[in-house]
Amino acid sequence: MTTESLQWFKSSYSNNGGTCVEWAPAHAAVVGVVPVRDSKNLNGPVLDIPAYAFTSFVAGVKAGEFGAI
C-alpha cells in the first residue's frame, strides 16, 4: 500500500489549526484497516488501526468518554 493511492479525509470539525489527523475510510471497507496519519506530515508514518477498534474509538468520542476538549 502506498499512501498516495489512498483518499484521505480530515474531520469536519477541523479548523485547520494544525492539530489534525487524516484517515482513509474507503481502505477500511476493502481490507478492514483504517489508515490514520498526521495531516502536517503527509509523508510520515501511517497507523493502521483495525476497523472494529476505530469504530469503538469514534463511538467513545461521540459519547463523551474522553472528556471535553
N, C-alpha and C. Protein backbone atom coordinates (compact mmCIF):
# COMPACT_ATOMS: atom_id res chain seq x y z
N MET A 1 0.85 -1.19 0.00
CA MET A 1 0.00 0.00 0.00
C MET A 1 0.88 1.24 0.00
N THR A 2 0.57 2.16 -0.85
CA THR A 2 1.23 3.46 -0.81
C THR A 2 0.22 4.49 -0.37
N THR A 3 0.69 5.47 0.39
CA THR A 3 -0.24 6.48 0.90
C THR A 3 -0.77 7.37 -0.21
N GLU A 4 -0.07 7.41 -1.35
CA GLU A 4 -0.55 8.23 -2.47
C GLU A 4 -1.83 7.66 -3.05
N SER A 5 -2.03 6.35 -2.97
CA SER A 5 -3.19 5.72 -3.57
C SER A 5 -4.44 5.83 -2.71
N LEU A 6 -4.31 6.30 -1.49
CA LEU A 6 -5.45 6.42 -0.59
C LEU A 6 -6.11 7.78 -0.72
N GLN A 7 -7.42 7.82 -0.49
CA GLN A 7 -8.12 9.09 -0.47
C GLN A 7 -8.28 9.49 1.00
N TRP A 8 -7.59 10.56 1.38
CA TRP A 8 -7.52 10.99 2.77
C TRP A 8 -8.59 12.04 3.07
N PHE A 9 -9.09 12.01 4.31
CA PHE A 9 -10.10 12.96 4.77
C PHE A 9 -9.71 13.48 6.15
N LYS A 10 -10.07 14.74 6.40
CA LYS A 10 -9.94 15.33 7.74
C LYS A 10 -11.32 15.41 8.35
N SER A 11 -11.36 15.53 9.65
CA SER A 11 -12.62 15.70 10.35
C SER A 11 -13.32 16.96 9.88
N SER A 12 -14.63 16.91 9.84
CA SER A 12 -15.41 18.12 9.50
C SER A 12 -15.29 19.16 10.61
N TYR A 13 -14.79 18.76 11.78
CA TYR A 13 -14.59 19.69 12.88
C TYR A 13 -13.22 20.37 12.82
N SER A 14 -12.41 19.98 11.87
CA SER A 14 -11.08 20.56 11.72
C SER A 14 -11.19 22.02 11.32
N ASN A 15 -10.42 22.86 12.00
CA ASN A 15 -10.43 24.29 11.65
C ASN A 15 -9.08 24.71 11.08
N ASN A 16 -8.33 23.74 10.55
CA ASN A 16 -7.00 24.00 10.00
C ASN A 16 -6.05 24.62 11.01
N GLY A 17 -6.22 24.25 12.27
CA GLY A 17 -5.36 24.76 13.32
C GLY A 17 -4.04 24.02 13.44
N GLY A 18 -3.86 22.99 12.63
CA GLY A 18 -2.59 22.29 12.62
C GLY A 18 -2.50 21.09 13.54
N THR A 19 -3.58 20.73 14.21
CA THR A 19 -3.54 19.57 15.11
C THR A 19 -4.53 18.51 14.66
N CYS A 20 -4.51 18.20 13.39
CA CYS A 20 -5.49 17.27 12.84
C CYS A 20 -4.85 15.97 12.39
N VAL A 21 -5.68 14.97 12.32
CA VAL A 21 -5.28 13.73 11.69
C VAL A 21 -6.17 13.52 10.48
N GLU A 22 -5.68 12.70 9.57
CA GLU A 22 -6.46 12.33 8.39
C GLU A 22 -6.66 10.82 8.42
N TRP A 23 -7.72 10.38 7.80
CA TRP A 23 -7.99 8.95 7.74
C TRP A 23 -8.48 8.59 6.35
N ALA A 24 -8.35 7.33 6.00
CA ALA A 24 -8.74 6.85 4.67
C ALA A 24 -9.83 5.78 4.84
N PRO A 25 -11.09 6.21 4.95
CA PRO A 25 -12.16 5.27 5.26
C PRO A 25 -12.44 4.21 4.20
N ALA A 26 -12.23 4.50 2.94
CA ALA A 26 -12.51 3.52 1.89
C ALA A 26 -11.61 2.30 2.03
N HIS A 27 -10.42 2.50 2.53
CA HIS A 27 -9.49 1.39 2.72
C HIS A 27 -10.04 0.40 3.74
N ALA A 28 -10.75 0.90 4.74
CA ALA A 28 -11.32 0.03 5.76
C ALA A 28 -12.35 -0.92 5.16
N ALA A 29 -13.12 -0.43 4.22
CA ALA A 29 -14.13 -1.27 3.59
C ALA A 29 -13.50 -2.40 2.79
N VAL A 30 -12.31 -2.18 2.28
CA VAL A 30 -11.64 -3.18 1.45
C VAL A 30 -10.86 -4.19 2.28
N VAL A 31 -10.09 -3.72 3.26
CA VAL A 31 -9.20 -4.63 4.00
C VAL A 31 -9.44 -4.68 5.50
N GLY A 32 -10.40 -3.90 6.01
CA GLY A 32 -10.70 -3.95 7.44
C GLY A 32 -9.72 -3.20 8.32
N VAL A 33 -8.96 -2.29 7.73
CA VAL A 33 -7.98 -1.49 8.46
C VAL A 33 -8.18 -0.03 8.10
N VAL A 34 -8.16 0.84 9.11
CA VAL A 34 -8.30 2.29 8.87
C VAL A 34 -6.93 2.94 8.99
N PRO A 35 -6.37 3.43 7.88
CA PRO A 35 -5.11 4.17 7.94
C PRO A 35 -5.34 5.57 8.52
N VAL A 36 -4.47 5.98 9.43
CA VAL A 36 -4.56 7.30 10.06
C VAL A 36 -3.17 7.93 10.01
N ARG A 37 -3.11 9.23 9.69
CA ARG A 37 -1.82 9.92 9.63
C ARG A 37 -1.96 11.35 10.13
N ASP A 38 -0.84 11.95 10.45
CA ASP A 38 -0.77 13.35 10.86
C ASP A 38 -0.93 14.21 9.62
N SER A 39 -1.87 15.13 9.64
CA SER A 39 -2.14 15.96 8.47
C SER A 39 -1.01 16.93 8.15
N LYS A 40 -0.12 17.16 9.11
CA LYS A 40 1.02 18.07 8.87
C LYS A 40 2.22 17.34 8.25
N ASN A 41 2.21 16.02 8.31
CA ASN A 41 3.34 15.23 7.83
C ASN A 41 2.83 14.15 6.87
N LEU A 42 2.52 14.57 5.66
CA LEU A 42 1.89 13.67 4.69
C LEU A 42 2.77 12.50 4.28
N ASN A 43 4.06 12.62 4.44
CA ASN A 43 4.97 11.53 4.11
C ASN A 43 5.46 10.79 5.34
N GLY A 44 4.89 11.11 6.48
CA GLY A 44 5.29 10.47 7.72
C GLY A 44 4.62 9.11 7.90
N PRO A 45 4.75 8.56 9.08
CA PRO A 45 4.21 7.23 9.34
C PRO A 45 2.68 7.21 9.29
N VAL A 46 2.15 6.06 8.98
CA VAL A 46 0.71 5.83 8.93
C VAL A 46 0.39 4.74 9.95
N LEU A 47 -0.58 5.00 10.81
CA LEU A 47 -1.04 3.99 11.75
C LEU A 47 -2.15 3.20 11.08
N ASP A 48 -2.06 1.90 11.09
CA ASP A 48 -3.12 1.03 10.57
C ASP A 48 -3.91 0.49 11.75
N ILE A 49 -5.12 1.01 11.92
CA ILE A 49 -5.95 0.65 13.07
C ILE A 49 -7.05 -0.30 12.59
N PRO A 50 -7.22 -1.44 13.27
CA PRO A 50 -8.31 -2.34 12.88
C PRO A 50 -9.65 -1.59 12.87
N ALA A 51 -10.47 -1.86 11.88
CA ALA A 51 -11.73 -1.13 11.71
C ALA A 51 -12.61 -1.22 12.95
N TYR A 52 -12.67 -2.39 13.60
CA TYR A 52 -13.50 -2.52 14.79
C TYR A 52 -13.01 -1.62 15.92
N ALA A 53 -11.70 -1.46 16.06
CA ALA A 53 -11.14 -0.59 17.10
C ALA A 53 -11.41 0.87 16.78
N PHE A 54 -11.30 1.25 15.52
CA PHE A 54 -11.55 2.63 15.12
C PHE A 54 -13.03 2.96 15.34
N THR A 55 -13.92 2.03 15.00
CA THR A 55 -15.35 2.23 15.22
C THR A 55 -15.64 2.43 16.70
N SER A 56 -15.03 1.64 17.56
CA SER A 56 -15.22 1.78 19.00
C SER A 56 -14.69 3.12 19.50
N PHE A 57 -13.56 3.54 18.98
CA PHE A 57 -12.98 4.83 19.36
C PHE A 57 -13.92 5.97 18.99
N VAL A 58 -14.41 5.98 17.76
CA VAL A 58 -15.32 7.05 17.31
C VAL A 58 -16.59 7.06 18.15
N ALA A 59 -17.13 5.89 18.46
CA ALA A 59 -18.32 5.82 19.31
C ALA A 59 -18.03 6.41 20.69
N GLY A 60 -16.85 6.12 21.24
CA GLY A 60 -16.47 6.68 22.54
C GLY A 60 -16.33 8.18 22.50
N VAL A 61 -15.77 8.71 21.43
CA VAL A 61 -15.64 10.17 21.28
C VAL A 61 -17.02 10.80 21.24
N LYS A 62 -17.92 10.23 20.44
CA LYS A 62 -19.27 10.78 20.33
C LYS A 62 -20.04 10.72 21.64
N ALA A 63 -19.73 9.71 22.45
CA ALA A 63 -20.41 9.54 23.75
C ALA A 63 -19.77 10.39 24.85
N GLY A 64 -18.67 11.07 24.53
CA GLY A 64 -18.01 11.92 25.52
C GLY A 64 -17.16 11.17 26.51
N GLU A 65 -16.75 9.96 26.18
CA GLU A 65 -15.98 9.13 27.11
C GLU A 65 -14.57 9.62 27.36
N PHE A 66 -14.09 10.53 26.54
CA PHE A 66 -12.72 11.01 26.67
C PHE A 66 -12.62 12.43 27.20
N GLY A 67 -13.73 12.98 27.65
CA GLY A 67 -13.75 14.33 28.20
C GLY A 67 -13.87 15.39 27.13
N ALA A 68 -14.00 16.61 27.59
CA ALA A 68 -14.14 17.75 26.69
C ALA A 68 -12.78 18.27 26.27
N ILE A 69 -12.74 18.90 25.12
CA ILE A 69 -11.51 19.49 24.62
C ILE A 69 -11.35 20.87 25.20
